[in-house]
Protein backbone atom coordinates (compact mmCIF):
# COMPACT_ATOMS: atom_id res chain seq x y z
CA MET A 1 130.67 76.82 114.28
CA SER A 2 129.03 80.74 114.52
CA SER A 3 128.63 80.91 110.87
CA CYS A 4 126.56 77.77 110.93
CA CYS A 5 124.74 79.28 113.64
CA GLY A 6 124.20 81.75 111.49
CA ILE A 7 122.95 80.03 108.77
CA ASP A 8 120.32 78.34 111.25
CA THR A 9 119.37 82.19 112.54
CA GLN A 10 118.70 83.51 109.00
CA ALA A 11 116.74 80.17 108.13
CA GLN A 12 114.74 80.57 111.36
CA ILE A 13 114.13 84.28 110.01
CA ASP A 14 113.09 83.72 106.51
CA SER A 15 110.35 80.86 108.38
CA ALA A 16 108.92 83.45 110.28
CA GLN A 17 108.87 85.86 107.81
CA ARG A 18 107.22 83.51 105.26
CA LYS A 19 104.58 82.63 107.64
CA LEU A 20 103.44 85.99 108.55
CA LEU A 21 103.64 87.21 104.89
CA TRP A 22 101.29 84.35 104.42
CA THR A 23 98.85 85.34 106.83
CA VAL A 24 98.64 88.93 106.13
CA LEU A 25 98.52 88.16 101.95
CA VAL A 26 95.52 85.98 102.74
CA LEU A 27 93.81 88.55 105.04
CA ASN A 28 94.12 91.22 102.87
CA ALA A 29 93.20 89.32 99.62
CA VAL A 30 89.66 88.38 101.68
CA MET A 31 89.14 91.70 102.73
CA PHE A 32 89.79 93.19 98.70
CA PHE A 33 86.72 90.62 97.64
CA VAL A 34 84.61 92.14 100.55
CA GLU A 35 85.46 95.54 100.19
CA PHE A 36 85.16 95.46 96.18
CA ILE A 37 81.71 93.88 96.03
CA ALA A 38 80.65 96.02 98.70
CA GLY A 39 82.09 99.42 97.19
CA TRP A 40 80.79 98.54 93.87
CA ILE A 41 76.83 97.43 95.68
CA ALA A 42 77.39 100.96 97.89
CA GLN A 43 78.74 103.15 94.87
CA SER A 44 81.39 104.01 96.80
CA SER A 45 84.80 105.20 95.08
CA GLY A 46 86.21 105.08 98.43
CA LEU A 47 85.70 101.45 99.02
CA ILE A 48 86.44 100.31 95.44
CA ALA A 49 89.64 102.45 96.27
CA ASP A 50 90.20 100.88 99.56
CA SER A 51 89.66 97.63 98.11
CA LEU A 52 92.01 97.66 95.00
CA ASP A 53 94.62 98.92 97.84
CA MET A 54 93.85 95.93 99.43
CA LEU A 55 94.73 93.76 96.36
CA ALA A 56 97.81 95.80 96.08
CA ASP A 57 98.60 94.80 99.26
CA ALA A 58 98.08 91.47 98.56
CA LEU A 59 100.50 91.44 95.45
CA VAL A 60 103.10 93.39 97.83
CA TYR A 61 102.98 90.51 100.61
CA SER A 62 103.11 88.02 97.43
CA ALA A 63 106.51 89.46 96.31
CA SER A 64 107.82 89.84 99.61
CA LEU A 65 107.18 86.25 99.76
CA TYR A 66 108.81 85.66 96.55
CA ALA A 67 112.13 87.52 97.74
CA VAL A 68 112.29 86.33 100.96
CA GLY A 69 115.61 84.65 101.26
CA LYS A 70 117.07 85.79 97.56
CA THR A 71 119.58 88.53 96.69
CA LEU A 72 119.13 92.18 97.12
CA LYS A 73 118.85 92.04 93.26
CA HIS A 74 115.65 89.77 93.48
CA LYS A 75 114.14 91.73 96.22
CA ALA A 76 114.90 95.23 94.65
CA ASN A 77 113.14 93.84 91.06
CA ALA A 78 109.95 92.62 93.41
CA ALA A 79 109.89 95.91 95.17
CA LEU A 80 109.83 97.62 91.80
CA LEU A 81 107.06 95.64 90.52
CA ASN A 82 105.16 96.06 93.97
CA GLY A 83 105.46 99.73 93.02
CA THR A 84 104.52 99.89 89.46
CA LEU A 85 101.19 97.51 90.50
CA GLN A 86 100.22 100.43 92.85
CA LEU A 87 100.87 102.70 90.32
CA VAL A 88 98.46 101.27 87.96
CA LEU A 89 96.00 100.47 90.17
CA ALA A 90 96.09 104.15 91.82
CA SER A 91 95.45 105.35 88.45
CA LEU A 92 92.19 102.88 87.92
CA VAL A 93 90.91 104.33 91.08
CA ILE A 94 91.11 107.96 89.64
CA LEU A 95 89.35 107.24 86.42
CA ASP A 96 86.46 105.37 88.73
CA VAL A 97 86.04 108.50 90.48
CA ILE A 98 86.26 110.67 87.04
CA LYS A 99 83.38 108.44 85.40
CA ARG A 100 81.34 108.56 88.90
CA MET A 101 81.73 112.52 88.58
CA ILE A 102 80.47 112.70 85.38
CA PHE A 103 77.63 110.22 85.78
CA GLY A 104 77.01 110.46 88.99
CA SER A 105 76.69 108.41 92.50
CA ALA A 106 74.73 107.59 95.11
CA PRO A 107 76.76 106.20 98.04
CA ASN A 108 75.40 103.88 100.78
CA ALA A 109 76.82 105.47 104.26
CA ASP A 110 76.05 102.77 106.10
CA MET A 111 77.55 99.82 103.59
CA MET A 112 80.60 102.02 104.08
CA LEU A 113 80.97 102.37 107.59
CA SER A 114 80.41 98.61 108.20
CA VAL A 115 82.92 97.62 105.27
CA ALA A 116 85.47 99.93 106.73
CA PHE A 117 85.38 99.41 110.20
CA LEU A 118 85.97 95.75 109.45
CA ALA A 119 89.00 96.86 106.74
CA LEU A 120 90.33 98.58 109.54
CA ALA A 121 90.09 95.85 111.71
CA VAL A 122 92.13 93.62 109.24
CA ASN A 123 94.89 96.16 109.12
CA VAL A 124 95.25 96.83 112.54
CA VAL A 125 95.63 92.83 112.93
CA CYS A 126 98.46 92.93 109.77
CA PHE A 127 100.35 96.36 111.32
CA ALA A 128 100.61 94.84 114.65
CA LEU A 129 102.20 91.44 112.85
CA LEU A 130 104.43 93.19 110.44
CA TYR A 131 106.07 95.61 113.08
CA ARG A 132 108.49 93.57 114.67
CA PHE A 133 109.77 93.16 111.21
CA ARG A 134 109.65 96.94 110.13
CA ASN A 135 113.11 97.66 110.09
CA GLY A 136 113.87 94.49 107.85
CA ASP A 137 114.80 94.25 104.44
CA LEU A 138 113.23 96.01 101.44
CA ASN A 139 110.39 94.14 100.80
CA ILE A 140 109.26 93.67 104.47
CA ARG A 141 109.35 97.37 105.32
CA ALA A 142 107.50 98.14 101.82
CA SER A 143 104.90 95.46 103.75
CA TRP A 144 104.81 97.07 107.36
CA ILE A 145 104.50 100.56 105.39
CA CYS A 146 101.69 99.55 103.17
CA SER A 147 99.84 98.24 106.07
CA ARG A 148 100.23 101.84 108.03
CA ASN A 149 98.66 103.62 105.39
CA ASP A 150 96.20 101.38 105.04
CA MET A 151 94.89 102.44 108.46
CA LEU A 152 94.59 105.65 107.39
CA MET A 153 92.69 105.03 104.45
CA ASN A 154 90.45 103.25 106.19
CA ALA A 155 89.96 106.10 108.63
CA GLY A 156 89.41 108.62 105.59
CA VAL A 157 86.64 106.14 104.54
CA ILE A 158 84.69 105.91 107.73
CA PHE A 159 85.00 109.47 107.98
CA SER A 160 83.83 110.42 104.09
CA ALA A 161 81.07 107.83 105.47
CA LEU A 162 79.60 109.72 108.03
CA LEU A 163 79.54 113.25 105.57
CA VAL A 164 77.78 111.21 102.97
CA SER A 165 75.44 110.83 105.75
CA SER A 166 75.40 114.07 106.92
CA GLN A 167 75.59 115.81 103.84
CA ASN A 168 73.41 113.83 101.88
CA ALA A 169 75.87 114.37 99.03
CA ALA A 170 78.49 112.27 97.01
CA TRP A 171 81.14 114.45 97.00
CA PRO A 172 83.00 112.89 100.26
CA ASP A 173 82.77 109.85 98.87
CA LEU A 174 84.91 110.83 95.66
CA LEU A 175 87.05 113.03 97.52
CA VAL A 176 88.30 110.00 99.99
CA GLY A 177 88.86 107.61 96.77
CA LEU A 178 91.22 110.54 95.40
CA MET A 179 92.97 110.95 98.34
CA ILE A 180 93.23 107.25 99.12
CA ALA A 181 94.87 106.96 95.11
CA GLY A 182 97.25 109.91 96.13
CA ILE A 183 98.75 108.36 99.22
CA VAL A 184 99.33 104.90 96.75
CA ILE A 185 100.75 106.70 94.66
CA VAL A 186 102.99 108.81 96.85
CA SER A 187 103.81 105.28 98.39
CA ALA A 188 104.38 103.38 95.88
CA VAL A 189 106.61 106.10 94.16
CA GLY A 190 109.09 105.86 97.53
CA ILE A 191 109.33 101.99 96.78
CA VAL A 192 110.01 102.42 93.53
CA ARG A 193 112.69 105.02 94.28
CA ASN A 194 114.37 102.69 96.85
CA ALA A 195 114.05 99.93 94.87
CA LEU A 196 115.97 101.43 91.58
CA GLN A 197 118.86 102.74 94.21
CA VAL A 198 119.36 99.19 95.44
CA ARG A 199 119.58 97.98 91.99
CA ARG A 200 121.99 100.57 90.87
CA GLY A 201 124.12 99.76 94.01
CA GLU A 202 124.28 96.29 92.87
CA ALA A 203 124.72 97.32 89.43
CA ASP A 204 127.98 99.90 91.08
CA LYS A 205 129.25 96.61 93.26
CA LEU A 206 129.31 94.52 89.87
CA ALA A 207 130.97 97.08 87.73
CA ASP A 208 133.89 97.37 90.73
CA CYS A 209 134.30 93.78 90.92
CA CYS A 210 134.59 93.29 86.95
CA GLY A 211 136.29 96.60 86.98
């Protein structure tokens, strides 16, 4: 009887996680398009970097949805894919910053501020929704970490917009773009490292069983 109750409880947890992940996935996907378009129009590396981070988060949530209810091996593979995609996106942001350093840019501080505040509000909602699962499995933890980092990045974009306005210069926007890329890289390396540890642990268990 306890086994059946345990199965029911796990099924309920998986269902709650799926609903949660779908919610934050949609929010991040919408904000990716909003921030990317605004960043392109405003010539803001910070907004573009933040938008690509939103896309990375949407991919994280997609992979997490795939992993819900599956084995540790599947979850580790999903987390490994998440981390790798984030590394690729961070590299694209760095290339964008380098391009703007070479050819120049004139960020629109007002648009940066308004969109960054909107992104911050969305990320606060995502963070609050994910908080109860922050000690969950590998992919749920990765989702919560992403949401936590996003709020810091949004604050960075807001601060850089204020500096762009007061200094009448593009360097604060370029700097925050590089900082966001750096945060994403650190987070992605941590996710990849954890995923590889889980995969090695599962491989060791399999070797022990076969041995």
